[in-house]
Structure formats: C-alpha cells, structure tokens
C-alpha cells in the first residue's frame, strides 16, 4: 500500500514540475521570443457532422499555411488602421 501511495505522490510531483516548466517556458517565450496571439477557432455552424475532419485540420500543413497567411494579412490590416 505504501508503494502505491509513493507512486501517486511521485506522479503528482512530476505533474507539478511539468506545470512549472510550462509556465516558465511561456514566460521565457514572452520575454525573448516573437510576440504571439493565440486564437481559438470554433466549428462553423452547420458543420456539426464533420467534427472529426475539423479537428484533423490542425495537423494539416496546407491548412496551417493558409491560416497563417490569412491571419498575417488581417493583423497587418488592423495594425495599419491603428497607426493612422
């Protein structure tokens, strides 16, 4: 019984360490890396039956490239507006 408890506690400590690592990594990226904005994309209305295909898009290089180009244009447009 003691071994099981030790394993559970050990796993909890590893999870805490990973959470702390992720938090520190994000802080480092914020300070040293390029600034970034995270955007959530919801499944469009009427496409509820294509949930699996929708979720697979996040792994497709062509889709990610298209999204990056489109978002880049939108960001530039909005930043230009704010400059004026």
Protein backbone atom coordinates (compact mmCIF):
# COMPACT_ATOMS: atom_id res chain seq x y z
CA UNK A 1 0.00 0.00 0.00
CA UNK A 2 2.88 2.36 0.81
CA UNK A 3 4.44 1.80 -2.62
CA UNK A 4 1.22 2.77 -4.37
CA UNK A 5 0.95 5.94 -2.32
CA UNK A 6 4.59 6.75 -3.08
CA UNK A 7 3.96 6.30 -6.81
CA UNK A 8 0.90 8.54 -6.69
CA UNK A 9 2.78 11.25 -4.79
CA UNK A 10 5.75 10.93 -7.15
CA UNK A 11 3.47 11.31 -10.17
CA UNK A 12 1.85 14.39 -8.59
CA UNK A 13 5.29 15.95 -8.08
CA UNK A 14 6.21 15.26 -11.71
CA UNK A 15 2.98 16.90 -12.85
CA UNK A 16 3.71 19.95 -10.69
CA UNK A 17 7.21 20.11 -12.15
CA UNK A 18 5.84 19.91 -15.70
CA UNK A 19 3.28 22.63 -14.96
CA UNK A 20 6.04 24.85 -13.54
CA UNK A 21 8.23 24.09 -16.58
CA UNK A 22 5.41 25.02 -18.98
CA UNK A 23 4.74 28.22 -17.05
CA UNK A 24 8.43 29.19 -17.14
CA UNK A 25 8.70 28.31 -20.83
CA UNK A 26 5.75 30.58 -21.63
CA UNK A 27 7.29 33.43 -19.62
CA UNK A 28 10.60 32.96 -21.45
CA UNK A 29 8.90 32.95 -24.85
CA UNK A 30 7.01 36.10 -23.88
CA UNK A 31 10.23 37.91 -22.95
CA UNK A 32 12.69 36.52 -25.52
CA UNK A 33 10.64 35.21 -28.41
CA UNK A 34 8.43 36.78 -31.01
CA UNK A 35 5.16 38.04 -29.57
CA UNK A 36 2.23 35.82 -30.45
CA UNK A 37 -1.52 35.78 -30.09
CA UNK A 38 -3.39 32.52 -29.61
CA UNK A 39 -6.72 32.33 -31.39
CA UNK A 40 -9.42 29.72 -30.96
CA UNK A 41 -11.39 28.58 -33.99
CA UNK A 42 -14.82 27.06 -33.47
CA UNK A 43 -16.53 24.56 -35.71
CA UNK A 44 -18.70 26.59 -38.12
CA UNK A 45 -22.45 26.36 -37.71
CA UNK A 46 -23.94 23.71 -39.96
CA UNK A 47 -20.79 21.54 -39.93
CA UNK A 48 -21.53 19.69 -36.68
CA UNK A 49 -21.49 16.35 -38.51
CA UNK A 50 -17.88 16.97 -39.67
CA UNK A 51 -16.30 17.40 -36.23
CA UNK A 52 -13.62 14.75 -36.82
CA UNK A 53 -12.50 16.33 -40.10
CA UNK A 54 -12.49 19.75 -38.47
CA UNK A 55 -10.22 18.58 -35.66
CA UNK A 56 -7.85 16.95 -38.16
CA UNK A 57 -7.28 20.32 -39.86
CA UNK A 58 -4.96 21.38 -37.04
CA UNK A 59 -2.47 18.74 -38.23
CA UNK A 60 -2.59 19.61 -41.96
CA UNK A 61 0.35 21.67 -43.20
CA UNK A 62 -1.59 23.18 -46.12
CA UNK A 63 -4.37 24.35 -43.81
CA UNK A 64 -1.95 25.83 -41.29
CA UNK A 65 -0.09 27.64 -44.08
CA UNK A 66 -3.35 29.11 -45.44
CA UNK A 67 -4.45 30.20 -41.96
CA UNK A 68 -1.08 31.78 -41.25
CA UNK A 69 -1.16 33.78 -44.49
CA UNK A 70 -4.75 34.92 -43.94
CA UNK A 71 -4.21 35.88 -40.31
CA UNK A 72 -0.99 37.69 -41.26
CA UNK A 73 -2.89 39.86 -43.74
CA UNK A 74 -5.64 40.59 -41.20
CA UNK A 75 -3.14 41.52 -38.48
CA UNK A 76 -1.25 43.87 -40.83
CA UNK A 77 -4.53 45.49 -41.89
CA UNK A 78 -5.57 46.15 -38.30
CA UNK A 79 -2.15 47.40 -37.25
CA UNK A 80 -2.13 49.83 -40.18
CA UNK A 81 -5.56 51.12 -39.13
CA UNK A 82 -4.35 51.69 -35.57
CA UNK A 83 -1.30 53.59 -36.85
CA UNK A 84 -3.48 56.14 -38.66
